[in-house]
Full PDB file with SEQRES, HELIX, SHEET, SSBOND, CRYST1, ORIGX, SCALE, CONECT and MASTER records, all heavy atoms in Angstrom:
SEQRES   1 A   32  LYS GLY ARG PHE THR ILE PHE ARG ASP ASN PRO LYS ASN          
SEQRES   2 A   32  THR VAL TYR LEU GLN MET ASN SER LEU LYS PRO GLU ASP          
SEQRES   3 A   32  SER ALA ILE TYR TYR CYS                                      
HELIX    1 AA1 ASN A   10  LYS A   12  5                                   3    
HELIX    2 AA2 PRO A   24  ASP A   26  5                                   3    
SHEET    1 AA1 2 PHE A   4  ASP A   9  0                                        
SHEET    2 AA1 2 THR A  14  MET A  19 -1                                        
CRYST1    1.000    1.000    1.000  90.00  90.00  90.00 P 1           1          
ORIGX1      1.000000  0.000000  0.000000        0.00000                         
ORIGX2      0.000000  1.000000  0.000000        0.00000                         
ORIGX3      0.000000  0.000000  1.000000        0.00000                         
SCALE1      1.000000  0.000000  0.000000        0.00000                         
SCALE2      0.000000  1.000000  0.000000        0.00000                         
SCALE3      0.000000  0.000000  1.000000        0.00000                         
ATOM      1  N   LYS A   1      -2.315  39.427  79.315  1.00  0.00           N  
ATOM      2  CA  LYS A   1      -3.150  40.504  78.753  1.00  0.00           C  
ATOM      3  C   LYS A   1      -4.560  40.074  78.601  1.00  0.00           C  
ATOM      4  O   LYS A   1      -4.845  38.935  78.121  1.00  0.00           O  
ATOM      5  CB  LYS A   1      -2.539  40.819  77.379  1.00  0.00           C  
ATOM      6  CG  LYS A   1      -1.329  41.669  77.440  1.00  0.00           C  
ATOM      7  CD  LYS A   1      -0.814  41.996  76.048  1.00  0.00           C  
ATOM      8  CE  LYS A   1       0.507  42.805  76.065  1.00  0.00           C  
ATOM      9  NZ  LYS A   1       1.027  43.141  74.770  1.00  0.00           N  
ATOM     10  N   GLY A   2      -5.438  40.976  78.958  1.00  0.00           N  
ATOM     11  CA  GLY A   2      -6.903  40.711  78.888  1.00  0.00           C  
ATOM     12  C   GLY A   2      -7.409  40.017  80.113  1.00  0.00           C  
ATOM     13  O   GLY A   2      -8.688  39.840  80.271  1.00  0.00           O  
ATOM     14  N   ARG A   3      -6.590  39.452  80.950  1.00  0.00           N  
ATOM     15  CA  ARG A   3      -7.026  38.727  82.118  1.00  0.00           C  
ATOM     16  C   ARG A   3      -6.650  39.506  83.463  1.00  0.00           C  
ATOM     17  O   ARG A   3      -7.369  39.443  84.450  1.00  0.00           O  
ATOM     18  CB  ARG A   3      -6.425  37.318  82.156  1.00  0.00           C  
ATOM     19  CG  ARG A   3      -6.814  36.490  80.975  1.00  0.00           C  
ATOM     20  CD  ARG A   3      -6.371  35.051  81.156  1.00  0.00           C  
ATOM     21  NE  ARG A   3      -4.900  34.891  81.223  1.00  0.00           N  
ATOM     22  CZ  ARG A   3      -4.256  34.434  82.271  1.00  0.00           C  
ATOM     23  NH1 ARG A   3      -4.888  34.037  83.360  1.00  0.00           N  
ATOM     24  NH2 ARG A   3      -2.934  34.327  82.189  1.00  0.00           N  
ATOM     25  N   PHE A   4      -5.503  40.169  83.420  1.00  0.00           N  
ATOM     26  CA  PHE A   4      -5.030  40.819  84.640  1.00  0.00           C  
ATOM     27  C   PHE A   4      -5.069  42.346  84.520  1.00  0.00           C  
ATOM     28  O   PHE A   4      -5.007  42.890  83.386  1.00  0.00           O  
ATOM     29  CB  PHE A   4      -3.538  40.476  84.864  1.00  0.00           C  
ATOM     30  CG  PHE A   4      -3.257  39.114  85.353  1.00  0.00           C  
ATOM     31  CD1 PHE A   4      -4.189  38.082  85.322  1.00  0.00           C  
ATOM     32  CD2 PHE A   4      -1.974  38.760  85.807  1.00  0.00           C  
ATOM     33  CE1 PHE A   4      -3.937  36.767  85.695  1.00  0.00           C  
ATOM     34  CE2 PHE A   4      -1.667  37.508  86.237  1.00  0.00           C  
ATOM     35  CZ  PHE A   4      -2.737  36.479  86.220  1.00  0.00           C  
ATOM     36  N   THR A   5      -5.353  43.022  85.603  1.00  0.00           N  
ATOM     37  CA  THR A   5      -5.370  44.497  85.638  1.00  0.00           C  
ATOM     38  C   THR A   5      -4.654  45.008  86.803  1.00  0.00           C  
ATOM     39  O   THR A   5      -4.874  44.555  87.923  1.00  0.00           O  
ATOM     40  CB  THR A   5      -6.813  44.989  85.709  1.00  0.00           C  
ATOM     41  OG1 THR A   5      -7.594  44.449  84.574  1.00  0.00           O  
ATOM     42  CG2 THR A   5      -6.863  46.479  85.558  1.00  0.00           C  
ATOM     43  N   ILE A   6      -3.714  46.060  86.514  1.00  0.00           N  
ATOM     44  CA  ILE A   6      -3.022  46.597  87.620  1.00  0.00           C  
ATOM     45  C   ILE A   6      -3.611  48.022  87.855  1.00  0.00           C  
ATOM     46  O   ILE A   6      -3.944  48.657  86.946  1.00  0.00           O  
ATOM     47  CB  ILE A   6      -1.529  46.702  87.273  1.00  0.00           C  
ATOM     48  CG1 ILE A   6      -0.707  47.250  88.544  1.00  0.00           C  
ATOM     49  CG2 ILE A   6      -1.203  47.557  86.035  1.00  0.00           C  
ATOM     50  CD1 ILE A   6       0.804  47.138  88.320  1.00  0.00           C  
ATOM     51  N   PHE A   7      -3.727  48.369  89.158  1.00  0.00           N  
ATOM     52  CA  PHE A   7      -4.215  49.732  89.432  1.00  0.00           C  
ATOM     53  C   PHE A   7      -3.674  50.098  90.883  1.00  0.00           C  
ATOM     54  O   PHE A   7      -3.357  49.260  91.644  1.00  0.00           O  
ATOM     55  CB  PHE A   7      -5.760  49.841  89.336  1.00  0.00           C  
ATOM     56  CG  PHE A   7      -6.488  48.909  90.337  1.00  0.00           C  
ATOM     57  CD1 PHE A   7      -7.006  49.288  91.507  1.00  0.00           C  
ATOM     58  CD2 PHE A   7      -6.743  47.530  89.900  1.00  0.00           C  
ATOM     59  CE1 PHE A   7      -7.757  48.493  92.343  1.00  0.00           C  
ATOM     60  CE2 PHE A   7      -7.470  46.738  90.736  1.00  0.00           C  
ATOM     61  CZ  PHE A   7      -8.000  47.226  91.970  1.00  0.00           C  
ATOM     62  N   ARG A   8      -3.729  51.332  91.106  1.00  0.00           N  
ATOM     63  CA  ARG A   8      -3.190  51.925  92.403  1.00  0.00           C  
ATOM     64  C   ARG A   8      -4.282  52.739  93.120  1.00  0.00           C  
ATOM     65  O   ARG A   8      -5.106  53.442  92.489  1.00  0.00           O  
ATOM     66  CB  ARG A   8      -1.971  52.673  92.174  1.00  0.00           C  
ATOM     67  CG  ARG A   8      -2.048  53.854  91.160  1.00  0.00           C  
ATOM     68  CD  ARG A   8      -0.637  54.268  90.622  1.00  0.00           C  
ATOM     69  NE  ARG A   8       0.223  54.674  91.671  1.00  0.00           N  
ATOM     70  CZ  ARG A   8       1.608  54.788  91.485  1.00  0.00           C  
ATOM     71  NH1 ARG A   8       2.100  54.545  90.319  1.00  0.00           N  
ATOM     72  NH2 ARG A   8       2.376  55.171  92.512  1.00  0.00           N  
ATOM     73  N   ASP A   9      -4.184  52.779  94.364  1.00  0.00           N  
ATOM     74  CA  ASP A   9      -5.037  53.560  95.324  1.00  0.00           C  
ATOM     75  C   ASP A   9      -4.081  54.357  96.144  1.00  0.00           C  
ATOM     76  O   ASP A   9      -3.691  53.854  97.218  1.00  0.00           O  
ATOM     77  CB  ASP A   9      -5.972  52.648  96.080  1.00  0.00           C  
ATOM     78  CG  ASP A   9      -7.014  53.489  96.860  1.00  0.00           C  
ATOM     79  OD1 ASP A   9      -6.841  54.728  97.080  1.00  0.00           O  
ATOM     80  OD2 ASP A   9      -8.046  52.868  97.247  1.00  0.00           O  
ATOM     81  N   ASN A  10      -3.712  55.491  95.753  1.00  0.00           N  
ATOM     82  CA  ASN A  10      -2.691  56.274  96.454  1.00  0.00           C  
ATOM     83  C   ASN A  10      -3.116  56.678  97.871  1.00  0.00           C  
ATOM     84  O   ASN A  10      -2.265  56.583  98.821  1.00  0.00           O  
ATOM     85  CB  ASN A  10      -2.260  57.483  95.649  1.00  0.00           C  
ATOM     86  CG  ASN A  10      -1.424  57.176  94.439  1.00  0.00           C  
ATOM     87  OD1 ASN A  10      -0.853  56.070  94.324  1.00  0.00           O  
ATOM     88  ND2 ASN A  10      -1.270  58.131  93.582  1.00  0.00           N  
ATOM     89  N   PRO A  11      -4.367  57.003  98.153  1.00  0.00           N  
ATOM     90  CA  PRO A  11      -4.791  57.325  99.549  1.00  0.00           C  
ATOM     91  C   PRO A  11      -4.555  56.155 100.459  1.00  0.00           C  
ATOM     92  O   PRO A  11      -4.217  56.363 101.696  1.00  0.00           O  
ATOM     93  CB  PRO A  11      -6.216  57.742  99.435  1.00  0.00           C  
ATOM     94  CG  PRO A  11      -6.287  58.300  97.982  1.00  0.00           C  
ATOM     95  CD  PRO A  11      -5.422  57.404  97.197  1.00  0.00           C  
ATOM     96  N   LYS A  12      -4.628  54.980  99.961  1.00  0.00           N  
ATOM     97  CA  LYS A  12      -4.400  53.766 100.746  1.00  0.00           C  
ATOM     98  C   LYS A  12      -2.985  53.252 100.746  1.00  0.00           C  
ATOM     99  O   LYS A  12      -2.604  52.359 101.349  1.00  0.00           O  
ATOM    100  CB  LYS A  12      -5.372  52.610 100.335  1.00  0.00           C  
ATOM    101  CG  LYS A  12      -6.813  52.837 100.585  1.00  0.00           C  
ATOM    102  CD  LYS A  12      -7.619  51.630 100.223  1.00  0.00           C  
ATOM    103  CE  LYS A  12      -9.056  51.848 100.491  1.00  0.00           C  
ATOM    104  NZ  LYS A  12      -9.883  50.610 100.172  1.00  0.00           N  
ATOM    105  N   ASN A  13      -2.164  53.982  99.925  1.00  0.00           N  
ATOM    106  CA  ASN A  13      -0.697  53.569  99.765  1.00  0.00           C  
ATOM    107  C   ASN A  13      -0.600  52.168  99.290  1.00  0.00           C  
ATOM    108  O   ASN A  13       0.308  51.425  99.745  1.00  0.00           O  
ATOM    109  CB  ASN A  13       0.035  53.886 101.087  1.00  0.00           C  
ATOM    110  CG  ASN A  13       1.421  54.417 100.704  1.00  0.00           C  
ATOM    111  OD1 ASN A  13       1.609  55.084  99.769  1.00  0.00           O  
ATOM    112  ND2 ASN A  13       2.373  54.167 101.651  1.00  0.00           N  
ATOM    113  N   THR A  14      -1.475  51.730  98.446  1.00  0.00           N  
ATOM    114  CA  THR A  14      -1.567  50.341  97.966  1.00  0.00           C  
ATOM    115  C   THR A  14      -1.697  50.189  96.508  1.00  0.00           C  
ATOM    116  O   THR A  14      -2.336  50.987  95.890  1.00  0.00           O  
ATOM    117  CB  THR A  14      -2.732  49.611  98.737  1.00  0.00           C  
ATOM    118  OG1 THR A  14      -2.584  49.732 100.097  1.00  0.00           O  
ATOM    119  CG2 THR A  14      -2.882  48.177  98.333  1.00  0.00           C  
ATOM    120  N   VAL A  15      -1.084  49.193  95.926  1.00  0.00           N  
ATOM    121  CA  VAL A  15      -1.235  48.803  94.556  1.00  0.00           C  
ATOM    122  C   VAL A  15      -1.855  47.414  94.467  1.00  0.00           C  
ATOM    123  O   VAL A  15      -1.564  46.527  95.286  1.00  0.00           O  
ATOM    124  CB  VAL A  15       0.139  48.791  93.855  1.00  0.00           C  
ATOM    125  CG1 VAL A  15       0.072  48.421  92.373  1.00  0.00           C  
ATOM    126  CG2 VAL A  15       0.721  50.228  93.877  1.00  0.00           C  
ATOM    127  N   TYR A  16      -2.704  47.163  93.455  1.00  0.00           N  
ATOM    128  CA  TYR A  16      -3.448  45.974  93.279  1.00  0.00           C  
ATOM    129  C   TYR A  16      -3.095  45.265  92.001  1.00  0.00           C  
ATOM    130  O   TYR A  16      -2.799  46.016  90.978  1.00  0.00           O  
ATOM    131  CB  TYR A  16      -4.954  46.223  93.481  1.00  0.00           C  
ATOM    132  CG  TYR A  16      -5.404  46.856  94.710  1.00  0.00           C  
ATOM    133  CD1 TYR A  16      -5.451  48.192  94.848  1.00  0.00           C  
ATOM    134  CD2 TYR A  16      -5.652  46.080  95.793  1.00  0.00           C  
ATOM    135  CE1 TYR A  16      -5.884  48.900  96.030  1.00  0.00           C  
ATOM    136  CE2 TYR A  16      -6.096  46.663  97.055  1.00  0.00           C  
ATOM    137  CZ  TYR A  16      -6.158  48.026  97.074  1.00  0.00           C  
ATOM    138  OH  TYR A  16      -6.480  48.643  98.273  1.00  0.00           O  
ATOM    139  N   LEU A  17      -3.258  43.985  91.944  1.00  0.00           N  
ATOM    140  CA  LEU A  17      -3.299  43.204  90.751  1.00  0.00           C  
ATOM    141  C   LEU A  17      -4.599  42.340  90.748  1.00  0.00           C  
ATOM    142  O   LEU A  17      -4.654  41.345  91.444  1.00  0.00           O  
ATOM    143  CB  LEU A  17      -2.057  42.408  90.589  1.00  0.00           C  
ATOM    144  CG  LEU A  17      -1.939  41.610  89.282  1.00  0.00           C  
ATOM    145  CD1 LEU A  17      -1.608  42.566  88.164  1.00  0.00           C  
ATOM    146  CD2 LEU A  17      -0.725  40.600  89.421  1.00  0.00           C  
ATOM    147  N   GLN A  18      -5.518  42.687  89.919  1.00  0.00           N  
ATOM    148  CA  GLN A  18      -6.740  41.922  89.688  1.00  0.00           C  
ATOM    149  C   GLN A  18      -6.479  40.809  88.720  1.00  0.00           C  
ATOM    150  O   GLN A  18      -6.152  41.151  87.563  1.00  0.00           O  
ATOM    151  CB  GLN A  18      -7.904  42.777  89.326  1.00  0.00           C  
ATOM    152  CG  GLN A  18      -9.195  42.081  89.100  1.00  0.00           C  
ATOM    153  CD  GLN A  18      -9.748  41.461  90.387  1.00  0.00           C  
ATOM    154  OE1 GLN A  18      -9.804  42.184  91.374  1.00  0.00           O  
ATOM    155  NE2 GLN A  18     -10.270  40.245  90.338  1.00  0.00           N  
ATOM    156  N   MET A  19      -6.700  39.581  89.173  1.00  0.00           N  
ATOM    157  CA  MET A  19      -6.350  38.415  88.214  1.00  0.00           C  
ATOM    158  C   MET A  19      -7.667  37.724  88.004  1.00  0.00           C  
ATOM    159  O   MET A  19      -8.248  37.169  88.946  1.00  0.00           O  
ATOM    160  CB  MET A  19      -5.296  37.608  88.867  1.00  0.00           C  
ATOM    161  CG  MET A  19      -4.057  38.319  89.270  1.00  0.00           C  
ATOM    162  SD  MET A  19      -2.725  37.170  89.792  1.00  0.00           S  
ATOM    163  CE  MET A  19      -3.530  36.533  91.320  1.00  0.00           C  
ATOM    164  N   ASN A  20      -8.078  37.640  86.729  1.00  0.00           N  
ATOM    165  CA  ASN A  20      -9.318  36.926  86.365  1.00  0.00           C  
ATOM    166  C   ASN A  20      -8.929  35.819  85.429  1.00  0.00           C  
ATOM    167  O   ASN A  20      -7.858  35.801  84.851  1.00  0.00           O  
ATOM    168  CB  ASN A  20     -10.240  37.869  85.693  1.00  0.00           C  
ATOM    169  CG  ASN A  20     -10.729  39.046  86.571  1.00  0.00           C  
ATOM    170  OD1 ASN A  20     -10.894  38.814  87.783  1.00  0.00           O  
ATOM    171  ND2 ASN A  20     -11.036  40.148  86.022  1.00  0.00           N  
ATOM    172  N   SER A  21      -9.911  34.901  85.249  1.00  0.00           N  
ATOM    173  CA  SER A  21      -9.771  33.725  84.326  1.00  0.00           C  
ATOM    174  C   SER A  21      -8.351  33.039  84.554  1.00  0.00           C  
ATOM    175  O   SER A  21      -7.630  32.757  83.668  1.00  0.00           O  
ATOM    176  CB  SER A  21      -9.828  34.225  82.880  1.00  0.00           C  
ATOM    177  OG  SER A  21     -11.048  34.808  82.649  1.00  0.00           O  
ATOM    178  N   LEU A  22      -8.144  32.794  85.803  1.00  0.00           N  
ATOM    179  CA  LEU A  22      -6.845  32.198  86.197  1.00  0.00           C  
ATOM    180  C   LEU A  22      -6.564  30.726  85.592  1.00  0.00           C  
ATOM    181  O   LEU A  22      -7.505  30.051  85.504  1.00  0.00           O  
ATOM    182  CB  LEU A  22      -6.642  32.151  87.680  1.00  0.00           C  
ATOM    183  CG  LEU A  22      -6.378  33.529  88.357  1.00  0.00           C  
ATOM    184  CD1 LEU A  22      -6.656  33.474  89.825  1.00  0.00           C  
ATOM    185  CD2 LEU A  22      -4.949  33.923  88.052  1.00  0.00           C  
ATOM    186  N   LYS A  23      -5.404  30.494  85.231  1.00  0.00           N  
ATOM    187  CA  LYS A  23      -4.963  29.222  84.690  1.00  0.00           C  
ATOM    188  C   LYS A  23      -3.915  28.609  85.515  1.00  0.00           C  
ATOM    189  O   LYS A  23      -3.212  29.270  86.299  1.00  0.00           O  
ATOM    190  CB  LYS A  23      -4.387  29.471  83.271  1.00  0.00           C  
ATOM    191  CG  LYS A  23      -5.224  30.232  82.276  1.00  0.00           C  
ATOM    192  CD  LYS A  23      -4.525  30.522  81.004  1.00  0.00           C  
ATOM    193  CE  LYS A  23      -5.388  31.305  80.010  1.00  0.00           C  
ATOM    194  NZ  LYS A  23      -4.723  31.610  78.762  1.00  0.00           N  
ATOM    195  N   PRO A  24      -3.757  27.309  85.457  1.00  0.00           N  
ATOM    196  CA  PRO A  24      -2.738  26.606  86.279  1.00  0.00           C  
ATOM    197  C   PRO A  24      -1.361  27.183  86.049  1.00  0.00           C  
ATOM    198  O   PRO A  24      -0.547  27.206  87.005  1.00  0.00           O  
ATOM    199  CB  PRO A  24      -2.888  25.118  85.810  1.00  0.00           C  
ATOM    200  CG  PRO A  24      -4.242  25.039  85.413  1.00  0.00           C  
ATOM    201  CD  PRO A  24      -4.629  26.292  84.793  1.00  0.00           C  
ATOM    202  N   GLU A  25      -1.028  27.566  84.844  1.00  0.00           N  
ATOM    203  CA  GLU A  25       0.287  28.168  84.585  1.00  0.00           C  
ATOM    204  C   GLU A  25       0.505  29.468  85.244  1.00  0.00           C  
ATOM    205  O   GLU A  25       1.645  30.072  85.142  1.00  0.00           O  
ATOM    206  CB  GLU A  25       0.527  28.212  83.056  1.00  0.00           C  
ATOM    207  CG  GLU A  25      -0.570  28.941  82.291  1.00  0.00           C  
ATOM    208  CD  GLU A  25      -1.573  27.975  81.658  1.00  0.00           C  
ATOM    209  OE1 GLU A  25      -1.923  27.079  82.380  1.00  0.00           O  
ATOM    210  OE2 GLU A  25      -1.949  28.158  80.469  1.00  0.00           O  
ATOM    211  N   ASP A  26      -0.526  30.074  85.814  1.00  0.00           N  
ATOM    212  CA  ASP A  26      -0.399  31.338  86.558  1.00  0.00           C  
ATOM    213  C   ASP A  26       0.187  31.016  87.984  1.00  0.00           C  
ATOM    214  O   ASP A  26       0.478  32.010  88.679  1.00  0.00           O  
ATOM    215  CB  ASP A  26      -1.746  32.104  86.748  1.00  0.00           C  
ATOM    216  CG  ASP A  26      -2.222  32.630  85.328  1.00  0.00           C  
ATOM    217  OD1 ASP A  26      -1.332  33.141  84.574  1.00  0.00           O  
ATOM    218  OD2 ASP A  26      -3.376  32.522  85.104  1.00  0.00           O  
ATOM    219  N   SER A  27       0.253  29.783  88.423  1.00  0.00           N  
ATOM    220  CA  SER A  27       0.653  29.480  89.732  1.00  0.00           C  
ATOM    221  C   SER A  27       2.113  29.939  89.934  1.00  0.00           C  
ATOM    222  O   SER A  27       2.976  29.583  89.175  1.00  0.00           O  
ATOM    223  CB  SER A  27       0.498  27.961  89.954  1.00  0.00           C  
ATOM    224  OG  SER A  27      -0.834  27.585  89.967  1.00  0.00           O  
ATOM    225  N   ALA A  28       2.374  30.689  91.025  1.00  0.00           N  
ATOM    226  CA  ALA A  28       3.715  31.239  91.185  1.00  0.00           C  
ATOM    227  C   ALA A  28       3.636  32.008  92.559  1.00  0.00           C  
ATOM    228  O   ALA A  28       2.545  32.290  93.065  1.00  0.00           O  
ATOM    229  CB  ALA A  28       4.155  32.143  90.072  1.00  0.00           C  
ATOM    230  N   ILE A  29       4.778  32.429  93.008  1.00  0.00           N  
ATOM    231  CA  ILE A  29       4.934  33.434  94.021  1.00  0.00           C  
ATOM    232  C   ILE A  29       4.900  34.792  93.249  1.00  0.00           C  
ATOM    233  O   ILE A  29       5.700  35.046  92.445  1.00  0.00           O  
ATOM    234  CB  ILE A  29       6.209  33.299  94.914  1.00  0.00           C  
ATOM    235  CG1 ILE A  29       6.155  31.948  95.665  1.00  0.00           C  
ATOM    236  CG2 ILE A  29       6.245  34.388  95.912  1.00  0.00           C  
ATOM    237  CD1 ILE A  29       7.386  31.655  96.406  1.00  0.00           C  
ATOM    238  N   TYR A  30       4.042  35.633  93.720  1.00  0.00           N  
ATOM    239  CA  TYR A  30       3.861  36.943  93.121  1.00  0.00           C  
ATOM    240  C   TYR A  30       4.480  38.025  94.043  1.00  0.00           C  
ATOM    241  O   TYR A  30       4.229  38.062  95.208  1.00  0.00           O  
ATOM    242  CB  TYR A  30       2.427  37.313  92.918  1.00  0.00           C  
ATOM    243  CG  TYR A  30       1.835  36.565  91.728  1.00  0.00           C  
ATOM    244  CD1 TYR A  30       1.644  35.254  91.708  1.00  0.00           C  
ATOM    245  CD2 TYR A  30       1.548  37.329  90.467  1.00  0.00           C  
ATOM    246  CE1 TYR A  30       1.084  34.551  90.613  1.00  0.00           C  
ATOM    247  CE2 TYR A  30       1.081  36.630  89.402  1.00  0.00           C  
ATOM    248  CZ  TYR A  30       0.827  35.281  89.479  1.00  0.00           C  
ATOM    249  OH  TYR A  30       0.324  34.643  88.341  1.00  0.00           O  
ATOM    250  N   TYR A  31       5.411  38.876  93.414  1.00  0.00           N  
ATOM    251  CA  TYR A  31       6.067  39.934  94.189  1.00  0.00           C  
ATOM    252  C   TYR A  31       5.758  41.296  93.538  1.00  0.00           C  
ATOM    253  O   TYR A  31       5.526  41.485  92.387  1.00  0.00           O  
ATOM    254  CB  TYR A  31       7.534  39.742  94.016  1.00  0.00           C  
ATOM    255  CG  TYR A  31       8.124  38.428  94.435  1.00  0.00           C  
ATOM    256  CD1 TYR A  31       8.236  37.366  93.600  1.00  0.00           C  
ATOM    257  CD2 TYR A  31       8.710  38.296  95.743  1.00  0.00           C  
ATOM    258  CE1 TYR A  31       8.788  36.135  94.015  1.00  0.00           C  
ATOM    259  CE2 TYR A  31       9.211  37.116  96.140  1.00  0.00           C  
ATOM    260  CZ  TYR A  31       9.247  36.012  95.284  1.00  0.00           C  
ATOM    261  OH  TYR A  31       9.785  34.881  95.686  1.00  0.00           O  
ATOM    262  N   CYS A  32       5.717  42.222  94.412  1.00  0.00           N  
ATOM    263  CA  CYS A  32       5.575  43.656  93.967  1.00  0.00           C  
ATOM    264  C   CYS A  32       6.909  44.342  94.224  1.00  0.00           C  
ATOM    265  O   CYS A  32       7.604  44.015  95.103  1.00  0.00           O  
ATOM    266  CB  CYS A  32       4.411  44.492  94.625  1.00  0.00           C  
ATOM    267  SG  CYS A  32       4.626  44.732  96.375  1.00  0.00           S  
TER     268      CYS A  32                                                      
MASTER        0    0    0    2    2    0    0    6  267    1    0    3          
END                                                                             
């Protein structure tokens, strides 16, 4: 919370996850 933002762009048929202020503990495989 406060670092990541989810948003969608329907014309592009795409969803995004903006990740800021990344920390080592954020390291992982990310799935949608």
